[in-house]
Amino acid sequence: MRFDPDQYNHLKRMAAARKCTPSDVLREIIKQHLEGIEALSESHHRIARLAEYTQAAVDTLLREEHPEHRQLVIDETNRRMERYHGA
């Protein structure tokens, strides 16, 4: 693995502060990164599931309790999607 001089010096300083080798620091950084990606993926999955549940629940309530407002809510959702997400 190659590093630019600034990166390598930073890595050596981190290793010296921890009283270990640069390789040990790299292994720990890689481990933390991979664990972080896994946790982030699980979190995104949980948020997506919660969003879908909420949307289904609201749609059910609108269809059953307030059908006259359902199209208004859909239109407003589409307007906000275009404004805030460009889609």
PDB file of N, CA and C in Angstrom:
ATOM      1  N   MET A   1       0.851  -1.163   0.000  1.00  0.00           N
ATOM      2  CA  MET A   1       0.000   0.000   0.000  1.00  0.00           C
ATOM      3  C   MET A   1       0.899   1.229   0.000  1.00  0.00           C
ATOM      4  N   ARG A   2       0.520   2.205  -0.779  1.00  0.00           N
ATOM      5  CA  ARG A   2       1.321   3.435  -0.857  1.00  0.00           C
ATOM      6  C   ARG A   2       0.515   4.614  -0.298  1.00  0.00           C
ATOM      7  N   PHE A   3       1.239   5.514   0.346  1.00  0.00           N
ATOM      8  CA  PHE A   3       0.625   6.709   0.918  1.00  0.00           C
ATOM      9  C   PHE A   3       1.418   7.923   0.467  1.00  0.00           C
ATOM     10  N   ASP A   4       0.744   9.058   0.406  1.00  0.00           N
ATOM     11  CA  ASP A   4       1.528  10.261   0.164  1.00  0.00           C
ATOM     12  C   ASP A   4       2.248  10.589   1.474  1.00  0.00           C
ATOM     13  N   PRO A   5       3.299  11.382   1.418  1.00  0.00           N
ATOM     14  CA  PRO A   5       4.112  11.629   2.625  1.00  0.00           C
ATOM     15  C   PRO A   5       3.316  12.155   3.820  1.00  0.00           C
ATOM     16  N   ASP A   6       2.366  13.059   3.562  1.00  0.00           N
ATOM     17  CA  ASP A   6       1.568  13.605   4.676  1.00  0.00           C
ATOM     18  C   ASP A   6       0.732  12.514   5.350  1.00  0.00           C
ATOM     19  N   GLN A   7       0.110  11.659   4.544  1.00  0.00           N
ATOM     20  CA  GLN A   7      -0.698  10.572   5.108  1.00  0.00           C
ATOM     21  C   GLN A   7       0.173   9.618   5.926  1.00  0.00           C
ATOM     22  N   TYR A   8       1.325   9.275   5.367  1.00  0.00           N
ATOM     23  CA  TYR A   8       2.183   8.321   6.071  1.00  0.00           C
ATOM     24  C   TYR A   8       2.712   8.910   7.376  1.00  0.00           C
ATOM     25  N   ASN A   9       3.077  10.171   7.360  1.00  0.00           N
ATOM     26  CA  ASN A   9       3.533  10.819   8.597  1.00  0.00           C
ATOM     27  C   ASN A   9       2.419  10.858   9.632  1.00  0.00           C
ATOM     28  N   HIS A  10       1.208  11.133   9.178  1.00  0.00           N
ATOM     29  CA  HIS A  10       0.058  11.130  10.086  1.00  0.00           C
ATOM     30  C   HIS A  10      -0.124   9.734  10.683  1.00  0.00           C
ATOM     31  N   LEU A  11      -0.042   8.722   9.849  1.00  0.00           N
ATOM     32  CA  LEU A  11      -0.177   7.340  10.296  1.00  0.00           C
ATOM     33  C   LEU A  11       0.911   6.984  11.311  1.00  0.00           C
ATOM     34  N   LYS A  12       2.150   7.406  11.055  1.00  0.00           N
ATOM     35  CA  LYS A  12       3.243   7.119  11.993  1.00  0.00           C
ATOM     36  C   LYS A  12       3.025   7.823  13.329  1.00  0.00           C
ATOM     37  N   ARG A  13       2.530   9.060  13.283  1.00  0.00           N
ATOM     38  CA  ARG A  13       2.246   9.777  14.535  1.00  0.00           C
ATOM     39  C   ARG A  13       1.155   9.065  15.341  1.00  0.00           C
ATOM     40  N   MET A  14       0.107   8.603  14.639  1.00  0.00           N
ATOM     41  CA  MET A  14      -0.964   7.876  15.323  1.00  0.00           C
ATOM     42  C   MET A  14      -0.412   6.605  15.967  1.00  0.00           C
ATOM     43  N   ALA A  15       0.431   5.899  15.250  1.00  0.00           N
ATOM     44  CA  ALA A  15       1.011   4.657  15.762  1.00  0.00           C
ATOM     45  C   ALA A  15       1.892   4.942  16.981  1.00  0.00           C
ATOM     46  N   ALA A  16       2.699   5.986  16.910  1.00  0.00           N
ATOM     47  CA  ALA A  16       3.567   6.335  18.033  1.00  0.00           C
ATOM     48  C   ALA A  16       2.752   6.692  19.270  1.00  0.00           C
ATOM     49  N   ALA A  17       1.666   7.445  19.065  1.00  0.00           N
ATOM     50  CA  ALA A  17       0.816   7.832  20.191  1.00  0.00           C
ATOM     51  C   ALA A  17       0.154   6.620  20.840  1.00  0.00           C
ATOM     52  N   ARG A  18      -0.121   5.607  20.041  1.00  0.00           N
ATOM     53  CA  ARG A  18      -0.773   4.387  20.551  1.00  0.00           C
ATOM     54  C   ARG A  18       0.224   3.303  20.932  1.00  0.00           C
ATOM     55  N   LYS A  19       1.500   3.599  20.700  1.00  0.00           N
ATOM     56  CA  LYS A  19       2.564   2.639  20.998  1.00  0.00           C
ATOM     57  C   LYS A  19       2.339   1.309  20.266  1.00  0.00           C
ATOM     58  N   CYS A  20       2.104   1.424  18.965  1.00  0.00           N
ATOM     59  CA  CYS A  20       1.929   0.252  18.118  1.00  0.00           C
ATOM     60  C   CYS A  20       2.515   0.552  16.742  1.00  0.00           C
ATOM     61  N   THR A  21       2.370  -0.366  15.827  1.00  0.00           N
ATOM     62  CA  THR A  21       2.915  -0.173  14.484  1.00  0.00           C
ATOM     63  C   THR A  21       1.887   0.520  13.591  1.00  0.00           C
ATOM     64  N   PRO A  22       2.356   1.143  12.513  1.00  0.00           N
ATOM     65  CA  PRO A  22       1.404   1.703  11.542  1.00  0.00           C
ATOM     66  C   PRO A  22       0.451   0.635  10.999  1.00  0.00           C
ATOM     67  N   SER A  23       0.933  -0.585  10.835  1.00  0.00           N
ATOM     68  CA  SER A  23       0.064  -1.671  10.363  1.00  0.00           C
ATOM     69  C   SER A  23      -1.071  -1.943  11.344  1.00  0.00           C
ATOM     70  N   ASP A  24      -0.776  -1.880  12.640  1.00  0.00           N
ATOM     71  CA  ASP A  24      -1.825  -2.076  13.646  1.00  0.00           C
ATOM     72  C   ASP A  24      -2.881  -0.981  13.541  1.00  0.00           C
ATOM     73  N   VAL A  25      -2.435   0.236  13.335  1.00  0.00           N
ATOM     74  CA  VAL A  25      -3.371   1.358  13.190  1.00  0.00           C
ATOM     75  C   VAL A  25      -4.242   1.142  11.955  1.00  0.00           C
ATOM     76  N   LEU A  26      -3.624   0.751  10.845  1.00  0.00           N
ATOM     77  CA  LEU A  26      -4.395   0.513   9.626  1.00  0.00           C
ATOM     78  C   LEU A  26      -5.423  -0.585   9.812  1.00  0.00           C
ATOM     79  N   ARG A  27      -5.035  -1.678  10.463  1.00  0.00           N
ATOM     80  CA  ARG A  27      -5.990  -2.762  10.697  1.00  0.00           C
ATOM     81  C   ARG A  27      -7.185  -2.279  11.523  1.00  0.00           C
ATOM     82  N   GLU A  28      -6.913  -1.469  12.532  1.00  0.00           N
ATOM     83  CA  GLU A  28      -7.998  -0.949  13.374  1.00  0.00           C
ATOM     84  C   GLU A  28      -8.895   0.009  12.586  1.00  0.00           C
ATOM     85  N   ILE A  29      -8.288   0.864  11.776  1.00  0.00           N
ATOM     86  CA  ILE A  29      -9.069   1.794  10.958  1.00  0.00           C
ATOM     87  C   ILE A  29      -9.961   1.024   9.989  1.00  0.00           C
ATOM     88  N   ILE A  30      -9.412   0.019   9.343  1.00  0.00           N
ATOM     89  CA  ILE A  30     -10.196  -0.786   8.398  1.00  0.00           C
ATOM     90  C   ILE A  30     -11.329  -1.505   9.117  1.00  0.00           C
ATOM     91  N   LYS A  31     -11.028  -2.088  10.281  1.00  0.00           N
ATOM     92  CA  LYS A  31     -12.060  -2.788  11.066  1.00  0.00           C
ATOM     93  C   LYS A  31     -13.195  -1.832  11.428  1.00  0.00           C
ATOM     94  N   GLN A  32     -12.856  -0.652  11.937  1.00  0.00           N
ATOM     95  CA  GLN A  32     -13.879   0.328  12.319  1.00  0.00           C
ATOM     96  C   GLN A  32     -14.693   0.778  11.109  1.00  0.00           C
ATOM     97  N   HIS A  33     -14.034   0.959   9.995  1.00  0.00           N
ATOM     98  CA  HIS A  33     -14.734   1.389   8.778  1.00  0.00           C
ATOM     99  C   HIS A  33     -15.733   0.323   8.335  1.00  0.00           C
ATOM    100  N   LEU A  34     -15.286  -0.930   8.283  1.00  0.00           N
ATOM    101  CA  LEU A  34     -16.174  -2.004   7.849  1.00  0.00           C
ATOM    102  C   LEU A  34     -17.352  -2.193   8.796  1.00  0.00           C
ATOM    103  N   GLU A  35     -17.097  -2.099  10.098  1.00  0.00           N
ATOM    104  CA  GLU A  35     -18.186  -2.202  11.075  1.00  0.00           C
ATOM    105  C   GLU A  35     -19.140  -1.027  10.934  1.00  0.00           C
ATOM    106  N   GLY A  36     -18.606   0.153  10.637  1.00  0.00           N
ATOM    107  CA  GLY A  36     -19.439   1.331  10.453  1.00  0.00           C
ATOM    108  C   GLY A  36     -20.342   1.204   9.236  1.00  0.00           C
ATOM    109  N   ILE A  37     -19.802   0.649   8.153  1.00  0.00           N
ATOM    110  CA  ILE A  37     -20.608   0.437   6.948  1.00  0.00           C
ATOM    111  C   ILE A  37     -21.745  -0.526   7.252  1.00  0.00           C
ATOM    112  N   GLU A  38     -21.441  -1.593   7.974  1.00  0.00           N
ATOM    113  CA  GLU A  38     -22.476  -2.577   8.316  1.00  0.00           C
ATOM    114  C   GLU A  38     -23.563  -1.952   9.182  1.00  0.00           C
ATOM    115  N   ALA A  39     -23.166  -1.173  10.179  1.00  0.00           N
ATOM    116  CA  ALA A  39     -24.144  -0.518  11.055  1.00  0.00           C
ATOM    117  C   ALA A  39     -24.980   0.486  10.275  1.00  0.00           C
ATOM    118  N   LEU A  40     -24.339   1.221   9.372  1.00  0.00           N
ATOM    119  CA  LEU A  40     -25.059   2.197   8.567  1.00  0.00           C
ATOM    120  C   LEU A  40     -26.076   1.511   7.672  1.00  0.00           C
ATOM    121  N   SER A  41     -25.689   0.393   7.098  1.00  0.00           N
ATOM    122  CA  SER A  41     -26.597  -0.358   6.237  1.00  0.00           C
ATOM    123  C   SER A  41     -27.813  -0.832   7.027  1.00  0.00           C
ATOM    124  N   GLU A  42     -27.579  -1.356   8.233  1.00  0.00           N
ATOM    125  CA  GLU A  42     -28.689  -1.803   9.079  1.00  0.00           C
ATOM    126  C   GLU A  42     -29.587  -0.630   9.453  1.00  0.00           C
ATOM    127  N   SER A  43     -28.999   0.517   9.738  1.00  0.00           N
ATOM    128  CA  SER A  43     -29.767   1.697  10.104  1.00  0.00           C
ATOM    129  C   SER A  43     -30.615   2.178   8.927  1.00  0.00           C
ATOM    130  N   HIS A  44     -30.030   2.194   7.719  1.00  0.00           N
ATOM    131  CA  HIS A  44     -30.793   2.609   6.543  1.00  0.00           C
ATOM    132  C   HIS A  44     -31.954   1.663   6.288  1.00  0.00           C
ATOM    133  N   HIS A  45     -31.727   0.384   6.487  1.00  0.00           N
ATOM    134  CA  HIS A  45     -32.791  -0.609   6.284  1.00  0.00           C
ATOM    135  C   HIS A  45     -33.924  -0.366   7.287  1.00  0.00           C
ATOM    136  N   ARG A  46     -33.561  -0.088   8.532  1.00  0.00           N
ATOM    137  CA  ARG A  46     -34.567   0.173   9.572  1.00  0.00           C
ATOM    138  C   ARG A  46     -35.363   1.433   9.254  1.00  0.00           C
ATOM    139  N   ILE A  47     -34.686   2.478   8.814  1.00  0.00           N
ATOM    140  CA  ILE A  47     -35.370   3.733   8.479  1.00  0.00           C
ATOM    141  C   ILE A  47     -36.296   3.533   7.279  1.00  0.00           C
ATOM    142  N   ALA A  48     -35.832   2.804   6.263  1.00  0.00           N
ATOM    143  CA  ALA A  48     -36.671   2.545   5.089  1.00  0.00           C
ATOM    144  C   ALA A  48     -37.908   1.757   5.485  1.00  0.00           C
ATOM    145  N   ARG A  49     -37.747   0.750   6.352  1.00  0.00           N
ATOM    146  CA  ARG A  49     -38.883  -0.059   6.797  1.00  0.00           C
ATOM    147  C   ARG A  49     -39.881   0.806   7.571  1.00  0.00           C
ATOM    148  N   LEU A  50     -39.372   1.659   8.440  1.00  0.00           N
ATOM    149  CA  LEU A  50     -40.226   2.557   9.221  1.00  0.00           C
ATOM    150  C   LEU A  50     -40.976   3.525   8.304  1.00  0.00           C
ATOM    151  N   ALA A  51     -40.280   4.067   7.307  1.00  0.00           N
ATOM    152  CA  ALA A  51     -40.925   4.992   6.373  1.00  0.00           C
ATOM    153  C   ALA A  51     -42.032   4.286   5.593  1.00  0.00           C
ATOM    154  N   GLU A  52     -41.774   3.080   5.109  1.00  0.00           N
ATOM    155  CA  GLU A  52     -42.792   2.344   4.354  1.00  0.00           C
ATOM    156  C   GLU A  52     -43.989   2.013   5.237  1.00  0.00           C
ATOM    157  N   TYR A  53     -43.745   1.616   6.473  1.00  0.00           N
ATOM    158  CA  TYR A  53     -44.836   1.312   7.407  1.00  0.00           C
ATOM    159  C   TYR A  53     -45.687   2.560   7.641  1.00  0.00           C
ATOM    160  N   THR A  54     -45.018   3.675   7.892  1.00  0.00           N
ATOM    161  CA  THR A  54     -45.725   4.938   8.145  1.00  0.00           C
ATOM    162  C   THR A  54     -46.561   5.345   6.937  1.00  0.00           C
ATOM    163  N   GLN A  55     -45.978   5.230   5.753  1.00  0.00           N
ATOM    164  CA  GLN A  55     -46.713   5.594   4.543  1.00  0.00           C
ATOM    165  C   GLN A  55     -47.935   4.705   4.346  1.00  0.00           C
ATOM    166  N   ALA A  56     -47.763   3.412   4.570  1.00  0.00           N
ATOM    167  CA  ALA A  56     -48.893   2.494   4.405  1.00  0.00           C
ATOM    168  C   ALA A  56     -49.978   2.791   5.437  1.00  0.00           C
ATOM    169  N   ALA A  57     -49.573   3.088   6.674  1.00  0.00           N
ATOM    170  CA  ALA A  57     -50.542   3.385   7.723  1.00  0.00           C
ATOM    171  C   ALA A  57     -51.315   4.666   7.418  1.00  0.00           C
ATOM    172  N   VAL A  58     -50.612   5.701   6.997  1.00  0.00           N
ATOM    173  CA  VAL A  58     -51.274   6.970   6.687  1.00  0.00           C
ATOM    174  C   VAL A  58     -52.210   6.800   5.493  1.00  0.00           C
ATOM    175  N   ASP A  59     -51.758   6.084   4.477  1.00  0.00           N
ATOM    176  CA  ASP A  59     -52.606   5.869   3.307  1.00  0.00           C
ATOM    177  C   ASP A  59     -53.872   5.104   3.690  1.00  0.00           C
ATOM    178  N   THR A  60     -53.726   4.096   4.540  1.00  0.00           N
ATOM    179  CA  THR A  60     -54.894   3.335   5.004  1.00  0.00           C
ATOM    180  C   THR A  60     -55.867   4.240   5.758  1.00  0.00           C
ATOM    181  N   LEU A  61     -55.335   5.055   6.655  1.00  0.00           N
ATOM    182  CA  LEU A  61     -56.196   5.971   7.416  1.00  0.00           C
ATOM    183  C   LEU A  61     -56.896   6.969   6.500  1.00  0.00           C
ATOM    184  N   LEU A  62     -56.168   7.500   5.534  1.00  0.00           N
ATOM    185  CA  LEU A  62     -56.785   8.444   4.604  1.00  0.00           C
ATOM    186  C   LEU A  62     -57.888   7.774   3.783  1.00  0.00           C
ATOM    187  N   ARG A  63     -57.616   6.585   3.271  1.00  0.00           N
ATOM    188  CA  ARG A  63     -58.620   5.894   2.456  1.00  0.00           C
ATOM    189  C   ARG A  63     -59.866   5.571   3.268  1.00  0.00           C
ATOM    190  N   GLU A  64     -59.690   5.179   4.524  1.00  0.00           N
ATOM    191  CA  GLU A  64     -60.829   4.751   5.335  1.00  0.00           C
ATOM    192  C   GLU A  64     -61.533   5.906   6.047  1.00  0.00           C
ATOM    193  N   GLU A  65     -60.769   6.868   6.551  1.00  0.00           N
ATOM    194  CA  GLU A  65     -61.347   7.922   7.387  1.00  0.00           C
ATOM    195  C   GLU A  65     -61.570   9.244   6.649  1.00  0.00           C
ATOM    196  N   HIS A  66     -60.693   9.552   5.694  1.00  0.00           N
ATOM    197  CA  HIS A  66     -60.771  10.853   5.019  1.00  0.00           C
ATOM    198  C   HIS A  66     -60.472  10.712   3.530  1.00  0.00           C
ATOM    199  N   PRO A  67     -61.262   9.955   2.812  1.00  0.00           N
ATOM    200  CA  PRO A  67     -60.970   9.759   1.383  1.00  0.00           C
ATOM    201  C   PRO A  67     -60.976  11.061   0.582  1.00  0.00           C
ATOM    202  N   GLU A  68     -61.705  12.046   1.057  1.00  0.00           N
ATOM    203  CA  GLU A  68     -61.779  13.321   0.338  1.00  0.00           C
ATOM    204  C   GLU A  68     -60.444  14.078   0.372  1.00  0.00           C
ATOM    205  N   HIS A  69     -59.542  13.745   1.302  1.00  0.00           N
ATOM    206  CA  HIS A  69     -58.249  14.422   1.431  1.00  0.00           C
ATOM    207  C   HIS A  69     -57.096  13.643   0.796  1.00  0.00           C
ATOM    208  N   ARG A  70     -57.350  12.412   0.397  1.00  0.00           N
ATOM    209  CA  ARG A  70     -56.269  11.556  -0.090  1.00  0.00           C
ATOM    210  C   ARG A  70     -55.566  12.153  -1.309  1.00  0.00           C
ATOM    211  N   GLN A  71     -56.295  12.601  -2.295  1.00  0.00           N
ATOM    212  CA  GLN A  71     -55.664  13.150  -3.502  1.00  0.00           C
ATOM    213  C   GLN A  71     -54.893  14.424  -3.182  1.00  0.00           C
ATOM    214  N   LEU A  72     -55.414  15.244  -2.275  1.00  0.00           N
ATOM    215  CA  LEU A  72     -54.709  16.456  -1.862  1.00  0.00           C
ATOM    216  C   LEU A  72     -53.348  16.101  -1.261  1.00  0.00           C
ATOM    217  N   VAL A  73     -53.312  15.074  -0.422  1.00  0.00           N
ATOM    218  CA  VAL A  73     -52.060  14.645   0.206  1.00  0.00           C
ATOM    219  C   VAL A  73     -51.094  14.105  -0.854  1.00  0.00           C
ATOM    220  N   ILE A  74     -51.595  13.318  -1.790  1.00  0.00           N
ATOM    221  CA  ILE A  74     -50.748  12.788  -2.862  1.00  0.00           C
ATOM    222  C   ILE A  74     -50.179  13.924  -3.709  1.00  0.00           C
ATOM    223  N   ASP A  75     -51.020  14.890  -4.059  1.00  0.00           N
ATOM    224  CA  ASP A  75     -50.555  16.031  -4.859  1.00  0.00           C
ATOM    225  C   ASP A  75     -49.486  16.831  -4.113  1.00  0.00           C
ATOM    226  N   GLU A  76     -49.698  17.055  -2.828  1.00  0.00           N
ATOM    227  CA  GLU A  76     -48.721  17.799  -2.024  1.00  0.00           C
ATOM    228  C   GLU A  76     -47.420  17.016  -1.914  1.00  0.00           C
ATOM    229  N   THR A  77     -47.508  15.714  -1.774  1.00  0.00           N
ATOM    230  CA  THR A  77     -46.305  14.881  -1.724  1.00  0.00           C
ATOM    231  C   THR A  77     -45.514  15.025  -3.019  1.00  0.00           C
ATOM    232  N   ASN A  78     -46.207  14.952  -4.145  1.00  0.00           N
ATOM    233  CA  ASN A  78     -45.536  15.094  -5.442  1.00  0.00           C
ATOM    234  C   ASN A  78     -44.895  16.468  -5.591  1.00  0.00           C
ATOM    235  N   ARG A  79     -45.580  17.506  -5.133  1.00  0.00           N
ATOM    236  CA  ARG A  79     -45.033  18.860  -5.204  1.00  0.00           C
ATOM    237  C   ARG A  79     -43.751  18.965  -4.375  1.00  0.00           C
ATOM    238  N   ARG A  80     -43.776  18.405  -3.172  1.00  0.00           N
ATOM    239  CA  ARG A  80     -42.593  18.456  -2.303  1.00  0.00           C
ATOM    240  C   ARG A  80     -41.448  17.618  -2.855  1.00  0.00           C
ATOM    241  N   MET A  81     -41.764  16.482  -3.457  1.00  0.00           N
ATOM    242  CA  MET A  81     -40.725  15.652  -4.067  1.00  0.00           C
ATOM    243  C   MET A  81     -39.996  16.448  -5.150  1.00  0.00           C
ATOM    244  N   GLU A  82     -40.762  17.151  -5.986  1.00  0.00           N
ATOM    245  CA  GLU A  82     -40.150  17.956  -7.049  1.00  0.00           C
ATOM    246  C   GLU A  82     -39.314  19.102  -6.454  1.00  0.00           C
ATOM    247  N   ARG A  83     -39.860  19.756  -5.447  1.00  0.00           N
ATOM    248  CA  ARG A  83     -39.174  20.915  -4.862  1.00  0.00           C
ATOM    249  C   ARG A  83     -37.918  20.517  -4.119  1.00  0.00           C
ATOM    250  N   TYR A  84     -38.005  19.502  -3.269  1.00  0.00           N
ATOM    251  CA  TYR A  84     -36.879  19.169  -2.390  1.00  0.00           C
ATOM    252  C   TYR A  84     -35.970  18.069  -2.917  1.00  0.00           C
ATOM    253  N   HIS A  85     -36.444  17.258  -3.834  1.00  0.00           N
ATOM    254  CA  HIS A  85     -35.655  16.126  -4.298  1.00  0.00           C
ATOM    255  C   HIS A  85     -35.454  16.100  -5.804  1.00  0.00           C
ATOM    256  N   GLY A  86     -36.068  17.019  -6.498  1.00  0.00           N
ATOM    257  CA  GLY A  86     -35.876  17.123  -7.935  1.00  0.00           C
ATOM    258  C   GLY A  86     -36.427  15.951  -8.724  1.00  0.00           C
ATOM    259  N   ALA A  87     -37.386  15.252  -8.135  1.00  0.00           N
ATOM    260  CA  ALA A  87     -37.958  14.076  -8.841  1.00  0.00           C
ATOM    261  C   ALA A  87     -39.463  14.113  -8.782  1.00  0.00           C
TER     262      ALA A  87
END
